[in-house]
Amino acid sequence: VYRPRSDVFEGLTQIERLPAQQVMLMDADGELFRALYVMEQQPRGSWRIAGCYLLPIALDDTPPETP
């Protein structure tokens, strides 16, 4: 997501034993995404982003009503 309209930092999780920061992003059109930034510790102790996964967020996950 290039130049998100909004961002919210969520909790930490793990992906393949590496820490990952979850961030909710809103693009210019108002569509929501969850970014997972996988972090990797460097030999001198600092942390760097090792990868990023973008996942769409469905706003309506409720099942349809039955008549």
Protein backbone atom coordinates (compact mmCIF):
# COMPACT_ATOMS: atom_id res chain seq x y z
CA VAL A 1 0.00 0.00 0.00
CA TYR A 2 1.67 3.15 -1.23
CA ARG A 3 0.98 6.22 0.93
CA PRO A 4 -1.72 4.76 3.18
CA ARG A 5 -4.52 7.07 4.25
CA SER A 6 -4.39 5.57 7.74
CA ASP A 7 -2.33 3.06 9.72
CA VAL A 8 -2.81 1.32 13.06
CA PHE A 9 -0.04 -0.69 14.69
CA GLU A 10 -1.48 -3.89 16.16
CA GLY A 11 0.14 -6.67 18.17
CA LEU A 12 3.16 -8.81 17.54
CA THR A 13 2.94 -12.35 16.21
CA GLN A 14 5.38 -14.95 14.91
CA ILE A 15 5.91 -16.28 11.41
CA GLU A 16 8.26 -19.25 11.12
CA ARG A 17 9.72 -18.44 14.56
CA LEU A 18 10.49 -14.83 13.61
CA PRO A 19 8.70 -11.87 15.22
CA ALA A 20 6.26 -10.04 12.96
CA GLN A 21 4.59 -6.66 13.55
CA GLN A 22 0.95 -6.46 12.43
CA VAL A 23 -0.19 -3.14 10.95
CA MET A 24 -3.67 -2.33 9.65
CA LEU A 25 -3.53 -0.02 6.61
CA MET A 26 -6.20 1.87 4.70
CA ASP A 27 -5.44 2.75 1.09
CA ALA A 28 -6.58 5.89 -0.73
CA ASP A 29 -9.84 4.17 -1.77
CA GLY A 30 -10.71 3.16 1.81
CA GLU A 31 -9.84 -0.53 1.39
CA LEU A 32 -8.31 -2.17 4.48
CA PHE A 33 -5.25 -4.41 4.50
CA ARG A 34 -3.22 -6.09 7.21
CA ALA A 35 0.52 -5.89 6.72
CA LEU A 36 2.76 -8.39 8.50
CA TYR A 37 6.33 -7.08 8.75
CA VAL A 38 8.63 -10.01 9.52
CA MET A 39 11.64 -8.88 11.55
CA GLU A 40 15.12 -10.41 11.63
CA GLN A 41 17.85 -9.69 14.15
CA GLN A 42 21.16 -8.69 12.60
CA PRO A 43 24.57 -9.99 13.79
CA ARG A 44 25.25 -6.77 15.75
CA GLY A 45 21.89 -6.93 17.52
CA SER A 46 19.82 -4.44 15.51
CA TRP A 47 16.52 -5.46 13.87
CA ARG A 48 15.59 -5.13 10.18
CA ILE A 49 12.50 -5.93 8.14
CA ALA A 50 13.09 -9.29 6.46
CA GLY A 51 9.83 -9.33 4.50
CA CYS A 52 6.28 -8.03 4.30
CA TYR A 53 3.00 -9.80 3.58
CA LEU A 54 -0.18 -7.89 2.67
CA LEU A 55 -3.53 -9.51 3.43
CA PRO A 56 -6.91 -8.00 2.48
CA ILE A 57 -9.36 -7.53 5.36
CA ALA A 58 -12.97 -8.49 4.65
CA LEU A 59 -15.35 -6.05 6.34
CA ASP A 60 -18.40 -8.29 6.09
CA ASP A 61 -17.64 -11.78 7.33
CA THR A 62 -21.19 -12.39 8.59
CA PRO A 63 -23.22 -15.13 6.90
CA PRO A 64 -26.26 -14.00 4.87
CA GLU A 65 -29.60 -14.00 6.65
CA THR A 66 -32.05 -16.80 5.85
CA PRO A 67 -35.69 -15.91 5.15
